[in-house]
Amino acid sequence: ARTGKIGDGKIFVMPVEQVVRIRTGETNE
């Protein structure tokens, strides 16, 4: 994503407590 010019953007990283796949009911990893 880097162009070296203003406005290239930002990246945010947040913790995720739980993930559920709706189709199969699988959870997390």
ModelCIF file with pLDDT and N, C-alpha, C, O atoms, coordinates in Angstrom:
data_MODEL
#
_entry.id   MODEL 
#
_entity.id                         1 
_entity.type                       polymer 
_entity.pdbx_number_of_molecules   1 
#
_entity_poly.entity_id                      1 
_entity_poly.type                           'polypeptide(L)' 
_entity_poly.nstd_linkage                   no 
_entity_poly.nstd_monomer                   no 
_entity_poly.pdbx_seq_one_letter_code       ARTGKIGDGKIFVMPVEQVVRIRTGETNE 
_entity_poly.pdbx_seq_one_letter_code_can   ARTGKIGDGKIFVMPVEQVVRIRTGETNE 
_entity_poly.pdbx_strand_id                 A 
#
loop_
_entity_poly_seq.entity_id 
_entity_poly_seq.num 
_entity_poly_seq.mon_id 
_entity_poly_seq.hetero 
1 1  ALA n 
1 2  ARG n 
1 3  THR n 
1 4  GLY n 
1 5  LYS n 
1 6  ILE n 
1 7  GLY n 
1 8  ASP n 
1 9  GLY n 
1 10 LYS n 
1 11 ILE n 
1 12 PHE n 
1 13 VAL n 
1 14 MET n 
1 15 PRO n 
1 16 VAL n 
1 17 GLU n 
1 18 GLN n 
1 19 VAL n 
1 20 VAL n 
1 21 ARG n 
1 22 ILE n 
1 23 ARG n 
1 24 THR n 
1 25 GLY n 
1 26 GLU n 
1 27 THR n 
1 28 ASN n 
1 29 GLU n 
#
_struct_asym.id          A 
_struct_asym.entity_id   1 
#
loop_
_ma_qa_metric.id 
_ma_qa_metric.mode 
_ma_qa_metric.name 
_ma_qa_metric.software_group_id 
_ma_qa_metric.type 
1 global pLDDT . pLDDT 
2 local  pLDDT . pLDDT 
#
_ma_qa_metric_global.metric_id      1 
_ma_qa_metric_global.metric_value   92.28 
_ma_qa_metric_global.model_id       1 
_ma_qa_metric_global.ordinal_id     1 
#
loop_
_ma_qa_metric_local.label_asym_id 
_ma_qa_metric_local.label_comp_id 
_ma_qa_metric_local.label_seq_id 
_ma_qa_metric_local.metric_id 
_ma_qa_metric_local.metric_value 
_ma_qa_metric_local.model_id 
_ma_qa_metric_local.ordinal_id 
A ALA 1  2 96.00 1 1  
A ARG 2  2 95.00 1 2  
A THR 3  2 93.00 1 3  
A GLY 4  2 91.00 1 4  
A LYS 5  2 88.00 1 5  
A ILE 6  2 85.00 1 6  
A GLY 7  2 85.00 1 7  
A ASP 8  2 90.00 1 8  
A GLY 9  2 93.00 1 9  
A LYS 10 2 96.00 1 10 
A ILE 11 2 97.00 1 11 
A PHE 12 2 98.00 1 12 
A VAL 13 2 98.00 1 13 
A MET 14 2 97.00 1 14 
A PRO 15 2 97.00 1 15 
A VAL 16 2 95.00 1 16 
A GLU 17 2 94.00 1 17 
A GLN 18 2 93.00 1 18 
A VAL 19 2 92.00 1 19 
A VAL 20 2 93.00 1 20 
A ARG 21 2 92.00 1 21 
A ILE 22 2 93.00 1 22 
A ARG 23 2 92.00 1 23 
A THR 24 2 92.00 1 24 
A GLY 25 2 90.00 1 25 
A GLU 26 2 90.00 1 26 
A THR 27 2 90.00 1 27 
A ASN 28 2 86.00 1 28 
A GLU 29 2 85.00 1 29 
#
loop_
_atom_site.group_PDB 
_atom_site.id 
_atom_site.type_symbol 
_atom_site.label_atom_id 
_atom_site.label_alt_id 
_atom_site.label_comp_id 
_atom_site.label_asym_id 
_atom_site.label_entity_id 
_atom_site.label_seq_id 
_atom_site.pdbx_PDB_ins_code 
_atom_site.Cartn_x 
_atom_site.Cartn_y 
_atom_site.Cartn_z 
_atom_site.occupancy 
_atom_site.B_iso_or_equiv 
_atom_site.pdbx_formal_charge 
_atom_site.auth_seq_id 
_atom_site.auth_comp_id 
_atom_site.auth_asym_id 
_atom_site.auth_atom_id 
_atom_site.pdbx_PDB_model_num 
ATOM 1   N N  . ALA A 1 1  ? 0.805   -1.228  0.000  1.00 96.00 ? 1  ALA A N  1 
ATOM 2   C CA . ALA A 1 1  ? 0.000   0.000   0.000  1.00 96.00 ? 1  ALA A CA 1 
ATOM 3   C C  . ALA A 1 1  ? 0.835   1.274   0.000  1.00 96.00 ? 1  ALA A C  1 
ATOM 4   O O  . ALA A 1 1  ? 0.309   2.349   -0.287 1.00 96.00 ? 1  ALA A O  1 
ATOM 5   N N  . ARG A 1 2  ? 2.108   1.180   0.311  1.00 95.00 ? 2  ARG A N  1 
ATOM 6   C CA . ARG A 1 2  ? 2.931   2.388   0.445  1.00 95.00 ? 2  ARG A CA 1 
ATOM 7   C C  . ARG A 1 2  ? 3.218   3.043   -0.901 1.00 95.00 ? 2  ARG A C  1 
ATOM 8   O O  . ARG A 1 2  ? 3.662   2.387   -1.843 1.00 95.00 ? 2  ARG A O  1 
ATOM 9   N N  . THR A 1 3  ? 2.956   4.353   -0.979 1.00 93.00 ? 3  THR A N  1 
ATOM 10  C CA . THR A 1 3  ? 3.359   5.151   -2.138 1.00 93.00 ? 3  THR A CA 1 
ATOM 11  C C  . THR A 1 3  ? 4.431   6.155   -1.745 1.00 93.00 ? 3  THR A C  1 
ATOM 12  O O  . THR A 1 3  ? 5.134   6.695   -2.599 1.00 93.00 ? 3  THR A O  1 
ATOM 13  N N  . GLY A 1 4  ? 4.551   6.401   -0.433 1.00 91.00 ? 4  GLY A N  1 
ATOM 14  C CA . GLY A 1 4  ? 5.511   7.383   0.044  1.00 91.00 ? 4  GLY A CA 1 
ATOM 15  C C  . GLY A 1 4  ? 4.931   8.780   0.112  1.00 91.00 ? 4  GLY A C  1 
ATOM 16  O O  . GLY A 1 4  ? 5.630   9.729   0.468  1.00 91.00 ? 4  GLY A O  1 
ATOM 17  N N  . LYS A 1 5  ? 3.655   8.917   -0.228 1.00 88.00 ? 5  LYS A N  1 
ATOM 18  C CA . LYS A 1 5  ? 2.999   10.225  -0.211 1.00 88.00 ? 5  LYS A CA 1 
ATOM 19  C C  . LYS A 1 5  ? 1.987   10.278  0.914  1.00 88.00 ? 5  LYS A C  1 
ATOM 20  O O  . LYS A 1 5  ? 1.555   9.245   1.426  1.00 88.00 ? 5  LYS A O  1 
ATOM 21  N N  . ILE A 1 6  ? 1.615   11.478  1.293  1.00 85.00 ? 6  ILE A N  1 
ATOM 22  C CA . ILE A 1 6  ? 0.630   11.659  2.346  1.00 85.00 ? 6  ILE A CA 1 
ATOM 23  C C  . ILE A 1 6  ? -0.676  10.971  1.946  1.00 85.00 ? 6  ILE A C  1 
ATOM 24  O O  . ILE A 1 6  ? -1.059  10.984  0.777  1.00 85.00 ? 6  ILE A O  1 
ATOM 25  N N  . GLY A 1 7  ? -1.350  10.373  2.920  1.00 85.00 ? 7  GLY A N  1 
ATOM 26  C CA . GLY A 1 7  ? -2.619  9.711   2.637  1.00 85.00 ? 7  GLY A CA 1 
ATOM 27  C C  . GLY A 1 7  ? -2.509  8.230   2.324  1.00 85.00 ? 7  GLY A C  1 
ATOM 28  O O  . GLY A 1 7  ? -3.481  7.627   1.870  1.00 85.00 ? 7  GLY A O  1 
ATOM 29  N N  . ASP A 1 8  ? -1.344  7.627   2.557  1.00 90.00 ? 8  ASP A N  1 
ATOM 30  C CA . ASP A 1 8  ? -1.183  6.190   2.298  1.00 90.00 ? 8  ASP A CA 1 
ATOM 31  C C  . ASP A 1 8  ? -2.082  5.341   3.181  1.00 90.00 ? 8  ASP A C  1 
ATOM 32  O O  . ASP A 1 8  ? -2.443  4.228   2.797  1.00 90.00 ? 8  ASP A O  1 
ATOM 33  N N  . GLY A 1 9  ? -2.452  5.840   4.354  1.00 93.00 ? 9  GLY A N  1 
ATOM 34  C CA . GLY A 1 9  ? -3.402  5.119   5.191  1.00 93.00 ? 9  GLY A CA 1 
ATOM 35  C C  . GLY A 1 9  ? -2.858  4.710   6.537  1.00 93.00 ? 9  GLY A C  1 
ATOM 36  O O  . GLY A 1 9  ? -1.780  5.135   6.952  1.00 93.00 ? 9  GLY A O  1 
ATOM 37  N N  . LYS A 1 10 ? -3.633  3.870   7.214  1.00 96.00 ? 10 LYS A N  1 
ATOM 38  C CA . LYS A 1 10 ? -3.281  3.400   8.551  1.00 96.00 ? 10 LYS A CA 1 
ATOM 39  C C  . LYS A 1 10 ? -3.712  1.955   8.704  1.00 96.00 ? 10 LYS A C  1 
ATOM 40  O O  . LYS A 1 10 ? -4.570  1.462   7.971  1.00 96.00 ? 10 LYS A O  1 
ATOM 41  N N  . ILE A 1 11 ? -3.094  1.276   9.682  1.00 97.00 ? 11 ILE A N  1 
ATOM 42  C CA . ILE A 1 11 ? -3.455  -0.095  10.022 1.00 97.00 ? 11 ILE A CA 1 
ATOM 43  C C  . ILE A 1 11 ? -3.767  -0.135  11.516 1.00 97.00 ? 11 ILE A C  1 
ATOM 44  O O  . ILE A 1 11 ? -3.016  0.389   12.338 1.00 97.00 ? 11 ILE A O  1 
ATOM 45  N N  . PHE A 1 12 ? -4.891  -0.767  11.847 1.00 98.00 ? 12 PHE A N  1 
ATOM 46  C CA . PHE A 1 12 ? -5.301  -0.923  13.236 1.00 98.00 ? 12 PHE A CA 1 
ATOM 47  C C  . PHE A 1 12 ? -5.378  -2.417  13.543 1.00 98.00 ? 12 PHE A C  1 
ATOM 48  O O  . PHE A 1 12 ? -5.874  -3.191  12.723 1.00 98.00 ? 12 PHE A O  1 
ATOM 49  N N  . VAL A 1 13 ? -4.897  -2.826  14.708 1.00 98.00 ? 13 VAL A N  1 
ATOM 50  C CA . VAL A 1 13 ? -4.933  -4.228  15.112 1.00 98.00 ? 13 VAL A CA 1 
ATOM 51  C C  . VAL A 1 13 ? -5.687  -4.319  16.442 1.00 98.00 ? 13 VAL A C  1 
ATOM 52  O O  . VAL A 1 13 ? -5.364  -3.624  17.405 1.00 98.00 ? 13 VAL A O  1 
ATOM 53  N N  . MET A 1 14 ? -6.709  -5.201  16.471 1.00 97.00 ? 14 MET A N  1 
ATOM 54  C CA . MET A 1 14 ? -7.550  -5.350  17.659 1.00 97.00 ? 14 MET A CA 1 
ATOM 55  C C  . MET A 1 14 ? -7.686  -6.819  18.027 1.00 97.00 ? 14 MET A C  1 
ATOM 56  O O  . MET A 1 14 ? -7.639  -7.685  17.153 1.00 97.00 ? 14 MET A O  1 
ATOM 57  N N  . PRO A 1 15 ? -7.852  -7.105  19.307 1.00 97.00 ? 15 PRO A N  1 
ATOM 58  C CA . PRO A 1 15 ? -8.075  -8.500  19.703 1.00 97.00 ? 15 PRO A CA 1 
ATOM 59  C C  . PRO A 1 15 ? -9.469  -8.972  19.291 1.00 97.00 ? 15 PRO A C  1 
ATOM 60  O O  . PRO A 1 15 ? -10.417 -8.187  19.254 1.00 97.00 ? 15 PRO A O  1 
ATOM 61  N N  . VAL A 1 16 ? -9.580  -10.268 18.982 1.00 95.00 ? 16 VAL A N  1 
ATOM 62  C CA . VAL A 1 16 ? -10.866 -10.886 18.653 1.00 95.00 ? 16 VAL A CA 1 
ATOM 63  C C  . VAL A 1 16 ? -11.107 -11.987 19.683 1.00 95.00 ? 16 VAL A C  1 
ATOM 64  O O  . VAL A 1 16 ? -10.276 -12.879 19.856 1.00 95.00 ? 16 VAL A O  1 
ATOM 65  N N  . GLU A 1 17 ? -12.232 -11.920 20.353 1.00 94.00 ? 17 GLU A N  1 
ATOM 66  C CA . GLU A 1 17 ? -12.526 -12.898 21.402 1.00 94.00 ? 17 GLU A CA 1 
ATOM 67  C C  . GLU A 1 17 ? -13.050 -14.215 20.859 1.00 94.00 ? 17 GLU A C  1 
ATOM 68  O O  . GLU A 1 17 ? -12.695 -15.282 21.359 1.00 94.00 ? 17 GLU A O  1 
ATOM 69  N N  . GLN A 1 18 ? -13.904 -14.144 19.826 1.00 93.00 ? 18 GLN A N  1 
ATOM 70  C CA . GLN A 1 18 ? -14.527 -15.368 19.340 1.00 93.00 ? 18 GLN A CA 1 
ATOM 71  C C  . GLN A 1 18 ? -14.921 -15.209 17.878 1.00 93.00 ? 18 GLN A C  1 
ATOM 72  O O  . GLN A 1 18 ? -15.311 -14.126 17.441 1.00 93.00 ? 18 GLN A O  1 
ATOM 73  N N  . VAL A 1 19 ? -14.814 -16.306 17.126 1.00 92.00 ? 19 VAL A N  1 
ATOM 74  C CA . VAL A 1 19 ? -15.258 -16.360 15.735 1.00 92.00 ? 19 VAL A CA 1 
ATOM 75  C C  . VAL A 1 19 ? -16.127 -17.598 15.586 1.00 92.00 ? 19 VAL A C  1 
ATOM 76  O O  . VAL A 1 19 ? -15.785 -18.664 16.097 1.00 92.00 ? 19 VAL A O  1 
ATOM 77  N N  . VAL A 1 20 ? -17.247 -17.464 14.891 1.00 93.00 ? 20 VAL A N  1 
ATOM 78  C CA . VAL A 1 20 ? -18.127 -18.605 14.624 1.00 93.00 ? 20 VAL A CA 1 
ATOM 79  C C  . VAL A 1 20 ? -18.448 -18.623 13.138 1.00 93.00 ? 20 VAL A C  1 
ATOM 80  O O  . VAL A 1 20 ? -18.915 -17.628 12.583 1.00 93.00 ? 20 VAL A O  1 
ATOM 81  N N  . ARG A 1 21 ? -18.196 -19.754 12.498 1.00 92.00 ? 21 ARG A N  1 
ATOM 82  C CA . ARG A 1 21 ? -18.594 -19.916 11.095 1.00 92.00 ? 21 ARG A CA 1 
ATOM 83  C C  . ARG A 1 21 ? -20.062 -20.325 11.106 1.00 92.00 ? 21 ARG A C  1 
ATOM 84  O O  . ARG A 1 21 ? -20.406 -21.372 11.654 1.00 92.00 ? 21 ARG A O  1 
ATOM 85  N N  . ILE A 1 22 ? -20.916 -19.525 10.518 1.00 93.00 ? 22 ILE A N  1 
ATOM 86  C CA . ILE A 1 22 ? -22.362 -19.741 10.572 1.00 93.00 ? 22 ILE A CA 1 
ATOM 87  C C  . ILE A 1 22 ? -22.764 -21.064 9.934  1.00 93.00 ? 22 ILE A C  1 
ATOM 88  O O  . ILE A 1 22 ? -23.586 -21.791 10.492 1.00 93.00 ? 22 ILE A O  1 
ATOM 89  N N  . ARG A 1 23 ? -22.199 -21.385 8.779  1.00 92.00 ? 23 ARG A N  1 
ATOM 90  C CA . ARG A 1 23 ? -22.608 -22.587 8.047  1.00 92.00 ? 23 ARG A CA 1 
ATOM 91  C C  . ARG A 1 23 ? -22.365 -23.873 8.822  1.00 92.00 ? 23 ARG A C  1 
ATOM 92  O O  . ARG A 1 23 ? -23.226 -24.751 8.859  1.00 92.00 ? 23 ARG A O  1 
ATOM 93  N N  . THR A 1 24 ? -21.185 -23.987 9.445  1.00 92.00 ? 24 THR A N  1 
ATOM 94  C CA . THR A 1 24 ? -20.818 -25.257 10.074 1.00 92.00 ? 24 THR A CA 1 
ATOM 95  C C  . THR A 1 24 ? -20.817 -25.224 11.606 1.00 92.00 ? 24 THR A C  1 
ATOM 96  O O  . THR A 1 24 ? -20.792 -26.273 12.249 1.00 92.00 ? 24 THR A O  1 
ATOM 97  N N  . GLY A 1 25 ? -20.844 -24.046 12.177 1.00 90.00 ? 25 GLY A N  1 
ATOM 98  C CA . GLY A 1 25 ? -20.774 -23.924 13.618 1.00 90.00 ? 25 GLY A CA 1 
ATOM 99  C C  . GLY A 1 25 ? -19.361 -24.011 14.178 1.00 90.00 ? 25 GLY A C  1 
ATOM 100 O O  . GLY A 1 25 ? -19.174 -23.987 15.394 1.00 90.00 ? 25 GLY A O  1 
ATOM 101 N N  . GLU A 1 26 ? -18.353 -24.113 13.289 1.00 90.00 ? 26 GLU A N  1 
ATOM 102 C CA . GLU A 1 26 ? -16.964 -24.125 13.739 1.00 90.00 ? 26 GLU A CA 1 
ATOM 103 C C  . GLU A 1 26 ? -16.667 -22.831 14.496 1.00 90.00 ? 26 GLU A C  1 
ATOM 104 O O  . GLU A 1 26 ? -17.239 -21.780 14.207 1.00 90.00 ? 26 GLU A O  1 
ATOM 105 N N  . THR A 1 27 ? -15.768 -22.929 15.463 1.00 90.00 ? 27 THR A N  1 
ATOM 106 C CA . THR A 1 27 ? -15.448 -21.741 16.253 1.00 90.00 ? 27 THR A CA 1 
ATOM 107 C C  . THR A 1 27 ? -13.954 -21.446 16.244 1.00 90.00 ? 27 THR A C  1 
ATOM 108 O O  . THR A 1 27 ? -13.124 -22.319 15.991 1.00 90.00 ? 27 THR A O  1 
ATOM 109 N N  . ASN A 1 28 ? -13.652 -20.219 16.521 1.00 86.00 ? 28 ASN A N  1 
ATOM 110 C CA . ASN A 1 28 ? -12.304 -19.679 16.692 1.00 86.00 ? 28 ASN A CA 1 
ATOM 111 C C  . ASN A 1 28 ? -11.354 -20.010 15.564 1.00 86.00 ? 28 ASN A C  1 
ATOM 112 O O  . ASN A 1 28 ? -11.692 -19.753 14.408 1.00 86.00 ? 28 ASN A O  1 
ATOM 113 N N  . GLU A 1 29 ? -10.170 -20.572 15.833 1.00 85.00 ? 29 GLU A N  1 
ATOM 114 C CA . GLU A 1 29 ? -9.136  -20.760 14.799 1.00 85.00 ? 29 GLU A CA 1 
ATOM 115 C C  . GLU A 1 29 ? -9.655  -21.555 13.605 1.00 85.00 ? 29 GLU A C  1 
ATOM 116 O O  . GLU A 1 29 ? -8.911  -21.797 12.655 1.00 85.00 ? 29 GLU A O  1 
#
